[in-house]
């Protein structure tokens, strides 16, 4: 069982502005703010952003959040674009990942790949 995950960021203040907006669409909020890190969650911080002076992004890093419906996935993607993120896959069905897999992929300002997914019945 995973307790929490984190991603590295170059500018903590800019990353907090980005994630405050994007994760709010999923019901997350910033629960902790420290000098070099911030934690987001619904009840406790299970997603962290950590200031790193020399950030290198790997295309292998990927974090996915579960959304309650397609409207939330769509809002997640739109919020990311409005908050200076980049689309890495517009909202839509991804049959290659399974029946009813509806997702959107974004890159945060530091290049981290973040996904929101819901499953249609």
N, C-alpha and C. Protein backbone atom coordinates (compact mmCIF):
# COMPACT_ATOMS: atom_id res chain seq x y z
N UNK A 1 0.85 -1.17 0.00
CA UNK A 1 0.00 0.00 0.00
C UNK A 1 0.89 1.23 0.00
N UNK A 2 0.59 2.17 -0.86
CA UNK A 2 1.36 3.40 -0.96
C UNK A 2 0.75 4.45 -0.04
N UNK A 3 1.59 5.08 0.77
CA UNK A 3 1.13 6.12 1.68
C UNK A 3 1.14 7.49 1.03
N UNK A 4 2.21 7.81 0.29
CA UNK A 4 2.30 9.10 -0.38
C UNK A 4 3.32 9.03 -1.51
N UNK A 5 3.24 10.02 -2.40
CA UNK A 5 4.19 10.17 -3.50
C UNK A 5 4.61 11.63 -3.57
N UNK A 6 5.74 11.88 -4.25
CA UNK A 6 6.19 13.26 -4.39
C UNK A 6 6.84 13.46 -5.75
N UNK A 7 6.84 14.72 -6.17
CA UNK A 7 7.53 15.12 -7.40
C UNK A 7 8.45 16.29 -7.07
N UNK A 8 9.52 16.41 -7.84
CA UNK A 8 10.47 17.50 -7.67
C UNK A 8 10.04 18.70 -8.49
N UNK A 9 10.26 19.89 -7.94
CA UNK A 9 9.94 21.14 -8.63
C UNK A 9 11.10 22.12 -8.46
N UNK A 10 11.26 23.01 -9.44
CA UNK A 10 12.34 24.01 -9.39
C UNK A 10 11.94 25.27 -8.65
N UNK A 11 10.66 25.62 -8.66
CA UNK A 11 10.16 26.85 -8.05
C UNK A 11 8.93 26.48 -7.22
N UNK A 12 9.11 26.41 -5.91
CA UNK A 12 8.04 25.94 -5.04
C UNK A 12 6.81 26.84 -5.09
N UNK A 13 6.99 28.15 -5.09
CA UNK A 13 5.84 29.07 -5.13
C UNK A 13 5.04 28.89 -6.42
N UNK A 14 5.71 28.79 -7.54
CA UNK A 14 5.02 28.60 -8.82
C UNK A 14 4.33 27.24 -8.86
N UNK A 15 4.99 26.22 -8.34
CA UNK A 15 4.39 24.88 -8.32
C UNK A 15 3.16 24.84 -7.40
N UNK A 16 3.20 25.54 -6.27
CA UNK A 16 2.04 25.58 -5.39
C UNK A 16 0.86 26.26 -6.08
N UNK A 17 1.11 27.35 -6.80
CA UNK A 17 0.02 28.01 -7.53
C UNK A 17 -0.58 27.03 -8.55
N UNK A 18 0.26 26.31 -9.27
CA UNK A 18 -0.20 25.35 -10.26
C UNK A 18 -1.02 24.24 -9.60
N UNK A 19 -0.46 23.59 -8.60
CA UNK A 19 -1.15 22.46 -7.98
C UNK A 19 -2.35 22.88 -7.14
N UNK A 20 -2.34 24.07 -6.57
CA UNK A 20 -3.53 24.57 -5.86
C UNK A 20 -4.72 24.57 -6.82
N UNK A 21 -4.51 25.06 -8.05
CA UNK A 21 -5.59 25.15 -9.03
C UNK A 21 -5.97 23.79 -9.60
N UNK A 22 -4.98 23.02 -9.99
CA UNK A 22 -5.24 21.75 -10.68
C UNK A 22 -5.82 20.70 -9.74
N UNK A 23 -5.23 20.54 -8.58
CA UNK A 23 -5.71 19.49 -7.66
C UNK A 23 -7.04 19.84 -7.01
N UNK A 24 -7.40 21.11 -6.97
CA UNK A 24 -8.71 21.49 -6.44
C UNK A 24 -9.84 20.84 -7.24
N UNK A 25 -9.62 20.62 -8.53
CA UNK A 25 -10.65 19.98 -9.37
C UNK A 25 -10.92 18.55 -8.92
N UNK A 26 -9.96 17.95 -8.23
CA UNK A 26 -10.10 16.57 -7.76
C UNK A 26 -10.48 16.50 -6.28
N UNK A 27 -10.74 17.65 -5.68
CA UNK A 27 -11.10 17.68 -4.26
C UNK A 27 -9.90 17.70 -3.32
N UNK A 28 -8.71 17.88 -3.88
CA UNK A 28 -7.50 18.00 -3.06
C UNK A 28 -7.27 19.45 -2.69
N UNK A 29 -6.59 19.64 -1.58
CA UNK A 29 -6.17 20.99 -1.20
C UNK A 29 -4.82 20.89 -0.52
N UNK A 30 -4.13 22.02 -0.46
CA UNK A 30 -2.82 22.04 0.20
C UNK A 30 -3.06 21.98 1.70
N UNK A 31 -2.53 20.95 2.33
CA UNK A 31 -2.73 20.74 3.77
C UNK A 31 -1.50 21.13 4.58
N UNK A 32 -0.33 21.12 3.94
CA UNK A 32 0.90 21.50 4.64
C UNK A 32 1.77 22.32 3.71
N UNK A 33 2.39 23.35 4.27
CA UNK A 33 3.36 24.15 3.54
C UNK A 33 4.57 24.33 4.43
N UNK A 34 5.71 23.92 3.92
CA UNK A 34 6.97 24.06 4.65
C UNK A 34 7.95 24.84 3.78
N UNK A 35 9.13 25.06 4.29
CA UNK A 35 10.12 25.86 3.56
C UNK A 35 10.43 25.30 2.17
N UNK A 36 10.56 23.98 2.05
CA UNK A 36 10.97 23.38 0.78
C UNK A 36 10.02 22.31 0.27
N UNK A 37 8.82 22.27 0.81
CA UNK A 37 7.88 21.23 0.40
C UNK A 37 6.44 21.66 0.69
N UNK A 38 5.50 21.06 0.00
CA UNK A 38 4.08 21.29 0.26
C UNK A 38 3.35 19.97 0.04
N UNK A 39 2.37 19.70 0.90
CA UNK A 39 1.62 18.45 0.82
C UNK A 39 0.16 18.69 0.53
N UNK A 40 -0.40 17.88 -0.38
CA UNK A 40 -1.79 17.99 -0.80
C UNK A 40 -2.53 16.70 -0.48
N UNK A 41 -3.82 16.84 -0.23
CA UNK A 41 -4.64 15.66 0.01
C UNK A 41 -6.07 16.05 0.29
N UNK A 42 -6.84 15.04 0.65
CA UNK A 42 -8.23 15.27 1.05
C UNK A 42 -8.34 15.26 2.57
N UNK A 43 -7.70 14.29 3.21
CA UNK A 43 -7.71 14.19 4.68
C UNK A 43 -6.31 14.34 5.25
N UNK A 44 -5.30 13.86 4.53
CA UNK A 44 -3.90 14.00 4.94
C UNK A 44 -3.08 14.15 3.65
N UNK A 45 -1.89 14.70 3.76
CA UNK A 45 -1.10 14.92 2.55
C UNK A 45 -0.57 13.59 1.98
N UNK A 46 -1.09 13.22 0.81
CA UNK A 46 -0.59 12.00 0.17
C UNK A 46 0.11 12.31 -1.15
N UNK A 47 0.12 13.60 -1.55
CA UNK A 47 0.87 14.03 -2.72
C UNK A 47 1.70 15.24 -2.32
N UNK A 48 3.01 15.16 -2.54
CA UNK A 48 3.93 16.21 -2.12
C UNK A 48 4.68 16.78 -3.31
N UNK A 49 4.98 18.07 -3.25
CA UNK A 49 5.92 18.70 -4.19
C UNK A 49 7.12 19.14 -3.37
N UNK A 50 8.32 18.85 -3.88
CA UNK A 50 9.55 19.11 -3.14
C UNK A 50 10.50 19.96 -3.96
N UNK A 51 10.97 21.05 -3.37
CA UNK A 51 11.92 21.93 -4.03
C UNK A 51 13.26 21.20 -4.18
N UNK A 52 13.76 21.17 -5.40
CA UNK A 52 15.05 20.57 -5.70
C UNK A 52 15.82 21.55 -6.57
N UNK A 53 17.06 21.82 -6.22
CA UNK A 53 17.84 22.81 -6.96
C UNK A 53 18.20 22.33 -8.36
N UNK A 54 18.41 21.05 -8.53
CA UNK A 54 18.78 20.52 -9.85
C UNK A 54 17.77 19.46 -10.25
N UNK A 55 16.65 19.90 -10.80
CA UNK A 55 15.58 18.99 -11.19
C UNK A 55 15.90 18.39 -12.55
N UNK A 56 15.83 17.07 -12.62
CA UNK A 56 15.87 16.39 -13.91
C UNK A 56 14.64 15.52 -13.97
N UNK A 57 13.92 15.63 -15.07
CA UNK A 57 12.65 14.92 -15.22
C UNK A 57 12.87 13.70 -16.10
N UNK A 58 12.37 12.58 -15.65
CA UNK A 58 12.43 11.34 -16.42
C UNK A 58 11.07 11.08 -17.03
N UNK A 59 11.05 10.63 -18.27
CA UNK A 59 9.78 10.28 -18.89
C UNK A 59 9.15 9.06 -18.24
N UNK A 60 9.88 8.37 -17.37
CA UNK A 60 9.34 7.21 -16.69
C UNK A 60 8.46 7.56 -15.50
N UNK A 61 8.57 8.80 -14.97
CA UNK A 61 7.77 9.20 -13.81
C UNK A 61 6.35 9.52 -14.25
N UNK A 62 5.38 8.99 -13.51
CA UNK A 62 3.98 9.18 -13.87
C UNK A 62 3.13 9.00 -12.61
N UNK A 63 2.24 9.94 -12.37
CA UNK A 63 1.34 9.85 -11.22
C UNK A 63 -0.09 10.05 -11.72
N UNK A 64 -0.99 9.19 -11.27
CA UNK A 64 -2.38 9.25 -11.70
C UNK A 64 -3.31 9.41 -10.50
N UNK A 65 -4.25 10.34 -10.63
CA UNK A 65 -5.28 10.56 -9.62
C UNK A 65 -6.62 10.04 -10.14
N UNK A 66 -7.40 9.44 -9.27
CA UNK A 66 -8.74 8.96 -9.63
C UNK A 66 -9.73 10.10 -9.52
N UNK A 67 -10.56 10.25 -10.54
CA UNK A 67 -11.60 11.28 -10.57
C UNK A 67 -12.97 10.62 -10.50
N UNK A 68 -13.97 11.36 -10.02
CA UNK A 68 -15.33 10.82 -9.86
C UNK A 68 -16.11 10.74 -11.17
N UNK A 69 -15.68 11.43 -12.21
CA UNK A 69 -16.42 11.40 -13.46
C UNK A 69 -15.67 12.10 -14.57
N UNK A 70 -16.21 12.00 -15.78
CA UNK A 70 -15.55 12.61 -16.93
C UNK A 70 -15.49 14.13 -16.81
N UNK A 71 -16.50 14.73 -16.18
CA UNK A 71 -16.48 16.18 -16.02
C UNK A 71 -15.31 16.64 -15.16
N UNK A 72 -14.94 15.82 -14.18
CA UNK A 72 -13.81 16.15 -13.31
C UNK A 72 -12.50 15.99 -14.08
N UNK A 73 -12.39 14.93 -14.88
CA UNK A 73 -11.20 14.74 -15.72
C UNK A 73 -11.05 15.93 -16.67
N UNK A 74 -12.15 16.34 -17.28
CA UNK A 74 -12.13 17.48 -18.19
C UNK A 74 -11.70 18.76 -17.46
N UNK A 75 -12.23 18.98 -16.26
CA UNK A 75 -11.89 20.17 -15.47
C UNK A 75 -10.42 20.15 -15.05
N UNK A 76 -9.91 18.98 -14.69
CA UNK A 76 -8.49 18.81 -14.33
C UNK A 76 -7.61 19.26 -15.50
N UNK A 77 -7.91 18.78 -16.69
CA UNK A 77 -7.12 19.12 -17.87
C UNK A 77 -7.19 20.62 -18.16
N UNK A 78 -8.38 21.19 -18.13
CA UNK A 78 -8.56 22.62 -18.39
C UNK A 78 -7.83 23.47 -17.35
N UNK A 79 -7.91 23.07 -16.08
CA UNK A 79 -7.24 23.83 -15.02
C UNK A 79 -5.73 23.80 -15.22
N UNK A 80 -5.20 22.67 -15.64
CA UNK A 80 -3.76 22.56 -15.88
C UNK A 80 -3.32 23.51 -17.00
N UNK A 81 -4.09 23.55 -18.08
CA UNK A 81 -3.75 24.43 -19.19
C UNK A 81 -3.84 25.90 -18.77
N UNK A 82 -4.85 26.23 -17.97
CA UNK A 82 -5.01 27.60 -17.49
C UNK A 82 -3.93 28.00 -16.49
N UNK A 83 -3.30 27.01 -15.86
CA UNK A 83 -2.29 27.27 -14.84
C UNK A 83 -0.87 27.06 -15.37
N UNK A 84 -0.66 27.21 -16.65
CA UNK A 84 0.64 27.14 -17.30
C UNK A 84 1.18 25.71 -17.41
N UNK A 85 0.31 24.73 -17.38
CA UNK A 85 0.72 23.36 -17.65
C UNK A 85 0.60 23.10 -19.14
N UNK A 86 0.97 21.90 -19.54
CA UNK A 86 0.88 21.52 -20.96
C UNK A 86 0.09 20.23 -21.08
N UNK A 87 -0.66 20.12 -22.15
CA UNK A 87 -1.40 18.89 -22.40
C UNK A 87 -0.44 17.81 -22.85
N UNK A 88 -0.62 16.62 -22.29
CA UNK A 88 0.15 15.45 -22.70
C UNK A 88 -0.82 14.37 -23.17
N UNK A 89 -2.07 14.78 -23.40
CA UNK A 89 -3.13 13.89 -23.85
C UNK A 89 -4.47 14.44 -23.42
N UNK A 90 -5.23 14.96 -24.37
CA UNK A 90 -6.53 15.57 -24.07
C UNK A 90 -7.48 14.55 -23.44
N UNK A 91 -8.49 15.02 -22.71
CA UNK A 91 -9.46 14.10 -22.11
C UNK A 91 -10.13 13.22 -23.17
N UNK A 92 -10.28 11.96 -22.83
CA UNK A 92 -10.95 11.05 -23.75
C UNK A 92 -10.77 9.61 -23.34
N UNK A 93 -11.46 8.75 -24.06
CA UNK A 93 -11.35 7.32 -23.82
C UNK A 93 -9.99 6.82 -24.28
N UNK A 94 -9.44 5.88 -23.54
CA UNK A 94 -8.17 5.25 -23.85
C UNK A 94 -8.39 3.74 -23.88
N UNK A 95 -8.99 3.21 -24.97
CA UNK A 95 -9.31 1.77 -25.01
C UNK A 95 -8.08 0.89 -24.87
N UNK A 96 -6.90 1.39 -25.20
CA UNK A 96 -5.68 0.60 -25.05
C UNK A 96 -5.37 0.32 -23.58
N UNK A 97 -5.99 1.07 -22.67
CA UNK A 97 -5.78 0.87 -21.23
C UNK A 97 -6.93 0.11 -20.58
N UNK A 98 -7.93 -0.26 -21.35
CA UNK A 98 -9.05 -1.02 -20.81
C UNK A 98 -10.38 -0.37 -21.17
N UNK A 99 -11.40 -1.16 -21.12
CA UNK A 99 -12.74 -0.69 -21.45
C UNK A 99 -13.19 0.38 -20.46
N UNK A 100 -13.69 1.50 -20.98
CA UNK A 100 -14.21 2.57 -20.14
C UNK A 100 -13.17 3.44 -19.49
N UNK A 101 -11.89 3.31 -19.86
CA UNK A 101 -10.80 4.10 -19.27
C UNK A 101 -10.82 5.49 -19.90
N UNK A 102 -11.24 6.50 -19.13
CA UNK A 102 -11.34 7.87 -19.60
C UNK A 102 -10.34 8.71 -18.82
N UNK A 103 -9.40 9.33 -19.53
CA UNK A 103 -8.30 10.01 -18.83
C UNK A 103 -7.84 11.25 -19.57
N UNK A 104 -7.10 12.07 -18.85
CA UNK A 104 -6.39 13.21 -19.41
C UNK A 104 -5.00 13.23 -18.79
N UNK A 105 -4.03 13.63 -19.60
CA UNK A 105 -2.63 13.68 -19.17
C UNK A 105 -2.11 15.10 -19.33
N UNK A 106 -1.38 15.56 -18.32
CA UNK A 106 -0.79 16.89 -18.38
C UNK A 106 0.67 16.81 -17.94
N UNK A 107 1.41 17.85 -18.27
CA UNK A 107 2.76 18.05 -17.76
C UNK A 107 2.72 19.32 -16.92
N UNK A 108 3.25 19.24 -15.70
CA UNK A 108 3.31 20.44 -14.87
C UNK A 108 4.44 21.33 -15.38
N UNK A 109 4.61 22.53 -14.84
CA UNK A 109 5.66 23.43 -15.35
C UNK A 109 7.08 22.86 -15.25
N UNK A 110 7.28 21.82 -14.44
CA UNK A 110 8.59 21.19 -14.33
C UNK A 110 8.71 19.93 -15.18
N UNK A 111 7.66 19.60 -15.92
CA UNK A 111 7.70 18.44 -16.80
C UNK A 111 7.19 17.15 -16.21
N UNK A 112 6.74 17.16 -14.96
CA UNK A 112 6.18 15.95 -14.36
C UNK A 112 4.90 15.56 -15.09
N UNK A 113 4.70 14.27 -15.32
CA UNK A 113 3.52 13.78 -16.04
C UNK A 113 2.46 13.37 -15.02
N UNK A 114 1.32 14.05 -15.06
CA UNK A 114 0.24 13.83 -14.10
C UNK A 114 -1.02 13.48 -14.89
N UNK A 115 -1.77 12.49 -14.39
CA UNK A 115 -2.97 12.01 -15.07
C UNK A 115 -4.16 12.04 -14.12
N UNK A 116 -5.33 12.26 -14.70
CA UNK A 116 -6.60 12.04 -13.98
C UNK A 116 -7.38 11.02 -14.77
N UNK A 117 -7.99 10.04 -14.07
CA UNK A 117 -8.70 8.97 -14.73
C UNK A 117 -10.03 8.68 -14.03
N UNK A 118 -11.00 8.27 -14.82
CA UNK A 118 -12.24 7.73 -14.30
C UNK A 118 -12.60 6.53 -15.17
N UNK A 119 -13.44 5.67 -14.68
CA UNK A 119 -13.80 4.48 -15.41
C UNK A 119 -15.29 4.49 -15.71
N UNK A 120 -15.63 4.44 -17.00
CA UNK A 120 -17.02 4.44 -17.42
C UNK A 120 -17.56 3.01 -17.38
N UNK A 121 -18.81 2.89 -17.05
CA UNK A 121 -19.41 1.55 -16.98
C UNK A 121 -20.15 1.25 -18.24
